[in-house]
């Protein structure tokens, strides 16, 4: 089953319309300041539909976004064009890419690193980020905290969202655990309903890896990062706890 196909990609911004991208970008800027990184250029690994990218571009950063979904990139390009913004978008797998360019910061938001489900893919993405950083740059990403995932396991959920065209999106989420591989298979069934009739019905299964802090620290230090810190999403003023589901990692080059 494919991930982020054309239909699901088209639903994406509506499904996550309540996500506070502005607050997340403000958090990124606080991290830049805290770690004395003043990036003029930012590489966004797994940029999706470009919500972070357009906000960061408006703040004056030069942003390059990479994603393996051509459908998500198409929407990102449309979004930037509608706003009159110049954002570079590239199609590629973040575990296999070689940009041969340096950036002041590398970001990977909304659990993108969790899609790197093997040790080889996660390690390769960490190395790519470091190779793409200028001296003193930072790699910032968020992912699931394994301790919290095991204590407070994902459950079946139903989300209903009114769509811009007056229809309704209904998404059923069913998780399946693969403990030996540190994975949760998130099975989505998303339906578009118009006047009580289902006109679109799409299924996708998203394998998401959860991580433990020492595991991440090992991969990042092995990739050559000099400093690795952990925070709860999105608060750099607090310490990470075992109850914090989503964690942010800052790795300094």
C-alpha atoms as a PDB file:
ATOM      1  CA  UNK A   1       0.000   0.000   0.000  1.00  0.00           C
ATOM      2  CA  UNK A   2       1.460   3.370  -1.025  1.00  0.00           C
ATOM      3  CA  UNK A   3       1.975   6.296   1.332  1.00  0.00           C
ATOM      4  CA  UNK A   4       0.786   9.832   0.548  1.00  0.00           C
ATOM      5  CA  UNK A   5      -0.856   8.927  -2.746  1.00  0.00           C
ATOM      6  CA  UNK A   6      -2.644  11.598  -4.754  1.00  0.00           C
ATOM      7  CA  UNK A   7      -6.010  11.340  -2.999  1.00  0.00           C
ATOM      8  CA  UNK A   8      -4.655  11.255   0.560  1.00  0.00           C
ATOM      9  CA  UNK A   9      -2.168  14.038  -0.248  1.00  0.00           C
ATOM     10  CA  UNK A  10      -5.112  16.138  -1.402  1.00  0.00           C
ATOM     11  CA  UNK A  11      -6.797  15.618   1.975  1.00  0.00           C
ATOM     12  CA  UNK A  12      -3.633  16.322   3.986  1.00  0.00           C
ATOM     13  CA  UNK A  13      -3.918  20.056   4.687  1.00  0.00           C
ATOM     14  CA  UNK A  14      -7.564  19.696   5.681  1.00  0.00           C
ATOM     15  CA  UNK A  15      -6.776  16.785   8.000  1.00  0.00           C
ATOM     16  CA  UNK A  16      -4.087  18.802   9.762  1.00  0.00           C
ATOM     17  CA  UNK A  17      -5.666  22.228   9.567  1.00  0.00           C
ATOM     18  CA  UNK A  18      -5.503  22.475  13.363  1.00  0.00           C
ATOM     19  CA  UNK A  19      -1.721  22.003  13.488  1.00  0.00           C
ATOM     20  CA  UNK A  20       0.056  25.122  14.787  1.00  0.00           C
ATOM     21  CA  UNK A  21       2.797  25.548  12.188  1.00  0.00           C
ATOM     22  CA  UNK A  22       3.427  29.148  13.253  1.00  0.00           C
ATOM     23  CA  UNK A  23       4.241  28.083  16.808  1.00  0.00           C
ATOM     24  CA  UNK A  24       6.548  25.353  15.521  1.00  0.00           C
ATOM     25  CA  UNK A  25       8.443  27.822  13.328  1.00  0.00           C
ATOM     26  CA  UNK A  26       8.745  30.180  16.298  1.00  0.00           C
ATOM     27  CA  UNK A  27      10.189  27.261  18.274  1.00  0.00           C
ATOM     28  CA  UNK A  28      12.728  26.601  15.519  1.00  0.00           C
ATOM     29  CA  UNK A  29      13.899  30.195  15.670  1.00  0.00           C
ATOM     30  CA  UNK A  30      14.299  29.950  19.443  1.00  0.00           C
ATOM     31  CA  UNK A  31      16.454  26.860  18.948  1.00  0.00           C
ATOM     32  CA  UNK A  32      18.565  28.675  16.352  1.00  0.00           C
ATOM     33  CA  UNK A  33      19.178  31.431  18.877  1.00  0.00           C
ATOM     34  CA  UNK A  34      19.835  29.083  21.808  1.00  0.00           C
ATOM     35  CA  UNK A  35      22.437  27.118  19.845  1.00  0.00           C
ATOM     36  CA  UNK A  36      23.984  30.221  18.286  1.00  0.00           C
ATOM     37  CA  UNK A  37      23.071  29.079  14.797  1.00  0.00           C
ATOM     38  CA  UNK A  38      22.097  31.913  12.472  1.00  0.00           C
ATOM     39  CA  UNK A  39      20.995  30.107   9.331  1.00  0.00           C
ATOM     40  CA  UNK A  40      20.268  31.980   6.158  1.00  0.00           C
ATOM     41  CA  UNK A  41      19.447  28.720   4.415  1.00  0.00           C
ATOM     42  CA  UNK A  42      17.373  25.790   5.684  1.00  0.00           C
ATOM     43  CA  UNK A  43      17.006  22.264   4.324  1.00  0.00           C
ATOM     44  CA  UNK A  44      13.637  20.690   5.145  1.00  0.00           C
ATOM     45  CA  UNK A  45      13.773  16.889   4.960  1.00  0.00           C
ATOM     46  CA  UNK A  46      10.313  15.443   4.376  1.00  0.00           C
ATOM     47  CA  UNK A  47       8.721  18.818   3.697  1.00  0.00           C
ATOM     48  CA  UNK A  48       5.273  17.485   2.792  1.00  0.00           C
ATOM     49  CA  UNK A  49       2.965  20.213   1.496  1.00  0.00           C
ATOM     50  CA  UNK A  50       5.407  22.927   2.557  1.00  0.00           C
ATOM     51  CA  UNK A  51       3.545  24.489   5.490  1.00  0.00           C
ATOM     52  CA  UNK A  52       6.732  25.140   7.469  1.00  0.00           C
ATOM     53  CA  UNK A  53       8.600  26.229   4.351  1.00  0.00           C
ATOM     54  CA  UNK A  54       6.323  29.097   3.366  1.00  0.00           C
ATOM     55  CA  UNK A  55       6.327  30.471   6.908  1.00  0.00           C
ATOM     56  CA  UNK A  56      10.113  30.283   7.171  1.00  0.00           C
ATOM     57  CA  UNK A  57      10.520  31.837   3.720  1.00  0.00           C
ATOM     58  CA  UNK A  58       8.325  34.737   4.811  1.00  0.00           C
ATOM     59  CA  UNK A  59      10.713  35.217   7.731  1.00  0.00           C
ATOM     60  CA  UNK A  60      13.593  35.685   5.307  1.00  0.00           C
ATOM     61  CA  UNK A  61      15.163  32.226   5.166  1.00  0.00           C
ATOM     62  CA  UNK A  62      16.091  30.550   1.896  1.00  0.00           C
ATOM     63  CA  UNK A  63      14.400  27.162   2.089  1.00  0.00           C
ATOM     64  CA  UNK A  64      14.928  23.954   0.144  1.00  0.00           C
ATOM     65  CA  UNK A  65      12.345  21.230   0.725  1.00  0.00           C
ATOM     66  CA  UNK A  66      12.770  17.544  -0.082  1.00  0.00           C
ATOM     67  CA  UNK A  67      10.062  14.885  -0.126  1.00  0.00           C
ATOM     68  CA  UNK A  68       9.622  11.439  -1.648  1.00  0.00           C
ATOM     69  CA  UNK A  69       5.960  12.061  -2.529  1.00  0.00           C
ATOM     70  CA  UNK A  70       5.523  13.799  -5.873  1.00  0.00           C
ATOM     71  CA  UNK A  71       1.904  14.515  -4.938  1.00  0.00           C
ATOM     72  CA  UNK A  72       2.851  16.314  -1.718  1.00  0.00           C
ATOM     73  CA  UNK A  73       5.534  18.303  -3.557  1.00  0.00           C
ATOM     74  CA  UNK A  74       3.044  19.365  -6.208  1.00  0.00           C
ATOM     75  CA  UNK A  75       0.826  20.825  -3.490  1.00  0.00           C
ATOM     76  CA  UNK A  76       3.837  22.497  -1.845  1.00  0.00           C
ATOM     77  CA  UNK A  77       4.819  24.169  -5.115  1.00  0.00           C
ATOM     78  CA  UNK A  78       1.248  25.360  -5.668  1.00  0.00           C
ATOM     79  CA  UNK A  79       1.127  26.780  -2.140  1.00  0.00           C
ATOM     80  CA  UNK A  80       4.369  28.727  -2.566  1.00  0.00           C
ATOM     81  CA  UNK A  81       3.337  30.018  -5.995  1.00  0.00           C
ATOM     82  CA  UNK A  82      -0.048  31.220  -4.723  1.00  0.00           C
ATOM     83  CA  UNK A  83       1.747  33.197  -2.005  1.00  0.00           C
ATOM     84  CA  UNK A  84       4.328  34.575  -4.426  1.00  0.00           C
ATOM     85  CA  UNK A  85       7.191  32.896  -2.559  1.00  0.00           C
ATOM     86  CA  UNK A  86      10.354  31.337  -3.942  1.00  0.00           C
ATOM     87  CA  UNK A  87      10.935  27.917  -2.380  1.00  0.00           C
ATOM     88  CA  UNK A  88      13.057  25.200  -3.972  1.00  0.00           C
ATOM     89  CA  UNK A  89      11.455  21.752  -3.920  1.00  0.00           C
ATOM     90  CA  UNK A  90      13.204  18.495  -4.782  1.00  0.00           C
ATOM     91  CA  UNK A  91      11.882  14.960  -5.167  1.00  0.00           C
ATOM     92  CA  UNK A  92      13.962  12.425  -3.286  1.00  0.00           C
ATOM     93  CA  UNK A  93      14.357   9.912  -0.473  1.00  0.00           C
ATOM     94  CA  UNK A  94      16.074  11.514   2.526  1.00  0.00           C
ATOM     95  CA  UNK A  95      17.950   8.284   3.263  1.00  0.00           C
ATOM     96  CA  UNK A  96      19.506   8.225  -0.216  1.00  0.00           C
ATOM     97  CA  UNK A  97      19.913  11.852  -1.221  1.00  0.00           C
ATOM     98  CA  UNK A  98      23.207  13.613  -1.957  1.00  0.00           C
ATOM     99  CA  UNK A  99      22.691  17.350  -2.406  1.00  0.00           C
ATOM    100  CA  UNK A 100      26.372  18.366  -2.323  1.00  0.00           C
ATOM    101  CA  UNK A 101      25.335  21.664  -0.744  1.00  0.00           C
ATOM    102  CA  UNK A 102      25.592  23.134   2.735  1.00  0.00           C
ATOM    103  CA  UNK A 103      22.824  24.751   4.783  1.00  0.00           C
ATOM    104  CA  UNK A 104      22.775  26.712   8.014  1.00  0.00           C
ATOM    105  CA  UNK A 105      20.159  24.374   9.484  1.00  0.00           C
ATOM    106  CA  UNK A 106      18.426  21.117   8.623  1.00  0.00           C
ATOM    107  CA  UNK A 107      14.915  20.402   9.892  1.00  0.00           C
ATOM    108  CA  UNK A 108      12.678  17.344   9.653  1.00  0.00           C
ATOM    109  CA  UNK A 109       9.285  17.999  11.176  1.00  0.00           C
ATOM    110  CA  UNK A 110       6.121  16.080  12.044  1.00  0.00           C
ATOM    111  CA  UNK A 111       7.748  12.697  12.759  1.00  0.00           C
ATOM    112  CA  UNK A 112       9.317  12.370   9.304  1.00  0.00           C
ATOM    113  CA  UNK A 113      12.310  10.592  10.842  1.00  0.00           C
ATOM    114  CA  UNK A 114       9.879   7.973  12.135  1.00  0.00           C
ATOM    115  CA  UNK A 115       9.322   6.933   8.519  1.00  0.00           C
ATOM    116  CA  UNK A 116      12.978   5.816   8.444  1.00  0.00           C
ATOM    117  CA  UNK A 117      11.965   2.422   9.757  1.00  0.00           C
ATOM    118  CA  UNK A 118      15.276   0.556   9.482  1.00  0.00           C
ATOM    119  CA  UNK A 119      18.560   1.273  11.242  1.00  0.00           C
ATOM    120  CA  UNK A 120      20.186   1.723   7.853  1.00  0.00           C
ATOM    121  CA  UNK A 121      17.664   4.312   6.663  1.00  0.00           C
ATOM    122  CA  UNK A 122      17.690   6.260   9.936  1.00  0.00           C
ATOM    123  CA  UNK A 123      21.481   6.282  10.056  1.00  0.00           C
ATOM    124  CA  UNK A 124      21.687   7.407   6.424  1.00  0.00           C
ATOM    125  CA  UNK A 125      19.254  10.281   7.042  1.00  0.00           C
ATOM    126  CA  UNK A 126      21.269  11.422  10.086  1.00  0.00           C
ATOM    127  CA  UNK A 127      24.462  11.358   8.015  1.00  0.00           C
ATOM    128  CA  UNK A 128      22.826  13.208   5.120  1.00  0.00           C
ATOM    129  CA  UNK A 129      21.680  15.949   7.474  1.00  0.00           C
ATOM    130  CA  UNK A 130      25.170  16.348   8.937  1.00  0.00           C
ATOM    131  CA  UNK A 131      26.829  16.344   5.512  1.00  0.00           C
ATOM    132  CA  UNK A 132      24.402  19.074   4.483  1.00  0.00           C
ATOM    133  CA  UNK A 133      25.199  21.322   7.467  1.00  0.00           C
ATOM    134  CA  UNK A 134      27.616  24.197   7.574  1.00  0.00           C
ATOM    135  CA  UNK A 135      30.009  24.265  10.570  1.00  0.00           C
ATOM    136  CA  UNK A 136      28.051  25.140  13.711  1.00  0.00           C
ATOM    137  CA  UNK A 137      24.726  24.308  12.088  1.00  0.00           C
ATOM    138  CA  UNK A 138      21.928  22.379  13.788  1.00  0.00           C
ATOM    139  CA  UNK A 139      19.769  19.429  12.808  1.00  0.00           C
ATOM    140  CA  UNK A 140      16.319  19.610  14.414  1.00  0.00           C
ATOM    141  CA  UNK A 141      13.692  16.884  14.207  1.00  0.00           C
ATOM    142  CA  UNK A 142      10.806  15.463  16.186  1.00  0.00           C
ATOM    143  CA  UNK A 143       9.732  11.859  16.661  1.00  0.00           C
ATOM    144  CA  UNK A 144       7.850   9.517  18.975  1.00  0.00           C
ATOM    145  CA  UNK A 145       9.299   8.752  22.405  1.00  0.00           C
ATOM    146  CA  UNK A 146       9.305   4.980  22.851  1.00  0.00           C
ATOM    147  CA  UNK A 147       8.810   5.131  26.617  1.00  0.00           C
ATOM    148  CA  UNK A 148       5.592   7.126  26.246  1.00  0.00           C
ATOM    149  CA  UNK A 149       4.351   5.054  23.308  1.00  0.00           C
ATOM    150  CA  UNK A 150       4.631   1.849  25.339  1.00  0.00           C
ATOM    151  CA  UNK A 151       2.955   3.404  28.391  1.00  0.00           C
ATOM    152  CA  UNK A 152       0.155   5.147  26.510  1.00  0.00           C
ATOM    153  CA  UNK A 153      -0.374   3.078  23.396  1.00  0.00           C
ATOM    154  CA  UNK A 154      -2.115   4.547  20.331  1.00  0.00           C
ATOM    155  CA  UNK A 155      -5.773   3.623  20.076  1.00  0.00           C
ATOM    156  CA  UNK A 156      -8.436   3.473  17.394  1.00  0.00           C
ATOM    157  CA  UNK A 157      -9.584   6.997  16.546  1.00  0.00           C
ATOM    158  CA  UNK A 158     -12.106   8.688  14.290  1.00  0.00           C
ATOM    159  CA  UNK A 159     -11.563  12.261  13.129  1.00  0.00           C
ATOM    160  CA  UNK A 160     -14.219  14.279  11.313  1.00  0.00           C
ATOM    161  CA  UNK A 161     -13.257  17.445   9.461  1.00  0.00           C
ATOM    162  CA  UNK A 162     -15.435  19.778   7.400  1.00  0.00           C
ATOM    163  CA  UNK A 163     -13.708  20.310   4.049  1.00  0.00           C
ATOM    164  CA  UNK A 164     -13.446  23.701   2.295  1.00  0.00           C
ATOM    165  CA  UNK A 165     -15.930  22.607  -0.403  1.00  0.00           C
ATOM    166  CA  UNK A 166     -18.661  21.894   2.152  1.00  0.00           C
ATOM    167  CA  UNK A 167     -18.137  18.156   2.264  1.00  0.00           C
ATOM    168  CA  UNK A 168     -16.847  16.212   5.249  1.00  0.00           C
ATOM    169  CA  UNK A 169     -13.704  14.132   5.681  1.00  0.00           C
ATOM    170  CA  UNK A 170     -13.893  11.154   8.015  1.00  0.00           C
ATOM    171  CA  UNK A 171     -10.645   9.421   8.913  1.00  0.00           C
ATOM    172  CA  UNK A 172     -10.524   6.121  10.796  1.00  0.00           C
ATOM    173  CA  UNK A 173      -7.139   5.379  12.400  1.00  0.00           C
ATOM    174  CA  UNK A 174      -6.273   1.843  13.502  1.00  0.00           C
ATOM    175  CA  UNK A 175      -2.818   1.122  14.986  1.00  0.00           C
ATOM    176  CA  UNK A 176      -0.967  -2.203  14.849  1.00  0.00           C
ATOM    177  CA  UNK A 177       2.207  -2.800  16.890  1.00  0.00           C
ATOM    178  CA  UNK A 178       5.417  -4.471  15.771  1.00  0.00           C
ATOM    179  CA  UNK A 179       7.379  -4.392  19.027  1.00  0.00           C
ATOM    180  CA  UNK A 180      10.470  -6.174  17.759  1.00  0.00           C
ATOM    181  CA  UNK A 181      11.003  -3.520  15.087  1.00  0.00           C
ATOM    182  CA  UNK A 182       9.860  -0.572  17.247  1.00  0.00           C
ATOM    183  CA  UNK A 183       7.053   0.160  14.792  1.00  0.00           C
ATOM    184  CA  UNK A 184       3.428   1.175  14.906  1.00  0.00           C
ATOM    185  CA  UNK A 185       1.607   0.612  11.635  1.00  0.00           C
ATOM    186  CA  UNK A 186      -0.918   3.444  11.453  1.00  0.00           C
ATOM    187  CA  UNK A 187      -3.729   2.275   9.192  1.00  0.00           C
ATOM    188  CA  UNK A 188      -5.746   5.159   7.798  1.00  0.00           C
ATOM    189  CA  UNK A 189      -9.080   4.918   6.035  1.00  0.00           C
ATOM    190  CA  UNK A 190     -10.204   8.345   4.873  1.00  0.00           C
ATOM    191  CA  UNK A 191     -13.590   8.988   3.313  1.00  0.00           C
ATOM    192  CA  UNK A 192     -14.953  12.097   1.657  1.00  0.00           C
ATOM    193  CA  UNK A 193     -18.677  12.409   2.260  1.00  0.00           C
ATOM    194  CA  UNK A 194     -21.021  14.707   0.339  1.00  0.00           C
ATOM    195  CA  UNK A 195     -24.654  14.939   1.436  1.00  0.00           C
ATOM    196  CA  UNK A 196     -24.372  11.614   3.247  1.00  0.00           C
ATOM    197  CA  UNK A 197     -22.779   9.787   0.304  1.00  0.00           C
ATOM    198  CA  UNK A 198     -19.189   8.509   0.250  1.00  0.00           C
ATOM    199  CA  UNK A 199     -17.607   9.819  -2.952  1.00  0.00           C
ATOM    200  CA  UNK A 200     -13.967   8.997  -2.158  1.00  0.00           C
ATOM    201  CA  UNK A 201     -12.553   6.229   0.003  1.00  0.00           C
ATOM    202  CA  UNK A 202      -8.792   5.801   0.383  1.00  0.00           C
ATOM    203  CA  UNK A 203      -6.713   3.489   2.565  1.00  0.00           C
ATOM    204  CA  UNK A 204      -3.070   3.931   3.523  1.00  0.00           C
ATOM    205  CA  UNK A 205      -0.817   2.211   6.050  1.00  0.00           C
ATOM    206  CA  UNK A 206       1.960   4.374   7.514  1.00  0.00           C
ATOM    207  CA  UNK A 207       4.735   2.499   9.350  1.00  0.00           C
ATOM    208  CA  UNK A 208       6.000   4.761  12.148  1.00  0.00           C
ATOM    209  CA  UNK A 209       9.072   4.000  14.204  1.00  0.00           C
ATOM    210  CA  UNK A 210       9.326   5.024  17.837  1.00  0.00           C
ATOM    211  CA  UNK A 211      12.712   5.718  19.396  1.00  0.00           C
ATOM    212  CA  UNK A 212      14.478   5.797  22.746  1.00  0.00           C
ATOM    213  CA  UNK A 213      16.822   8.669  23.655  1.00  0.00           C
ATOM    214  CA  UNK A 214      20.039   6.637  23.962  1.00  0.00           C
ATOM    215  CA  UNK A 215      19.255   4.924  20.669  1.00  0.00           C
ATOM    216  CA  UNK A 216      18.966   8.276  18.906  1.00  0.00           C
ATOM    217  CA  UNK A 217      22.049   9.647  20.637  1.00  0.00           C
ATOM    218  CA  UNK A 218      24.073   6.659  19.435  1.00  0.00           C
ATOM    219  CA  UNK A 219      23.024   7.135  15.808  1.00  0.00           C
ATOM    220  CA  UNK A 220      23.692  10.875  15.877  1.00  0.00           C
ATOM    221  CA  UNK A 221      27.059  10.622  17.607  1.00  0.00           C
ATOM    222  CA  UNK A 222      28.048   7.851  15.191  1.00  0.00           C
ATOM    223  CA  UNK A 223      27.161  10.242  12.362  1.00  0.00           C
ATOM    224  CA  UNK A 224      29.590  12.787  13.822  1.00  0.00           C
ATOM    225  CA  UNK A 225      27.416  15.263  15.716  1.00  0.00           C
ATOM    226  CA  UNK A 226      29.178  16.923  18.636  1.00  0.00           C
ATOM    227  CA  UNK A 227      26.158  17.711  20.821  1.00  0.00           C
ATOM    228  CA  UNK A 228      22.750  16.038  21.122  1.00  0.00           C
ATOM    229  CA  UNK A 229      19.900  17.380  23.264  1.00  0.00           C
ATOM    230  CA  UNK A 230      16.292  16.293  23.843  1.00  0.00           C
ATOM    231  CA  UNK A 231      13.191  18.370  24.579  1.00  0.00           C
ATOM    232  CA  UNK A 232       9.436  17.842  24.747  1.00  0.00           C
ATOM    233  CA  UNK A 233       7.588  19.165  21.691  1.00  0.00           C
ATOM    234  CA  UNK A 234       7.805  22.172  21.399  1.00  0.00           C
ATOM    235  CA  UNK A 235       9.364  23.579  24.562  1.00  0.00           C
ATOM    236  CA  UNK A 236      13.116  24.046  24.870  1.00  0.00           C
ATOM    237  CA  UNK A 237      12.706  25.243  28.462  1.00  0.00           C
ATOM    238  CA  UNK A 238      11.613  21.870  29.862  1.00  0.00           C
ATOM    239  CA  UNK A 239      13.257  18.484  30.293  1.00  0.00           C
ATOM    240  CA  UNK A 240      12.047  15.444  28.396  1.00  0.00           C
ATOM    241  CA  UNK A 241      10.236  12.851  30.523  1.00  0.00           C
ATOM    242  CA  UNK A 242       9.161   9.266  29.925  1.00  0.00           C
ATOM    243  CA  UNK A 243       5.574  10.506  29.643  1.00  0.00           C
ATOM    244  CA  UNK A 244       6.253  12.900  26.763  1.00  0.00           C
ATOM    245  CA  UNK A 245       4.885  11.313  23.590  1.00  0.00           C
ATOM    246  CA  UNK A 246       6.549  13.643  21.087  1.00  0.00           C
ATOM    247  CA  UNK A 247      10.142  14.713  21.536  1.00  0.00           C
ATOM    248  CA  UNK A 248      12.392  17.153  19.716  1.00  0.00           C
ATOM    249  CA  UNK A 249      16.041  16.374  19.117  1.00  0.00           C
ATOM    250  CA  UNK A 250      18.661  19.046  18.461  1.00  0.00           C
ATOM    251  CA  UNK A 251      21.997  17.846  17.097  1.00  0.00           C
ATOM    252  CA  UNK A 252      24.780  20.373  16.618  1.00  0.00           C
ATOM    253  CA  UNK A 253      27.422  19.936  13.953  1.00  0.00           C
END
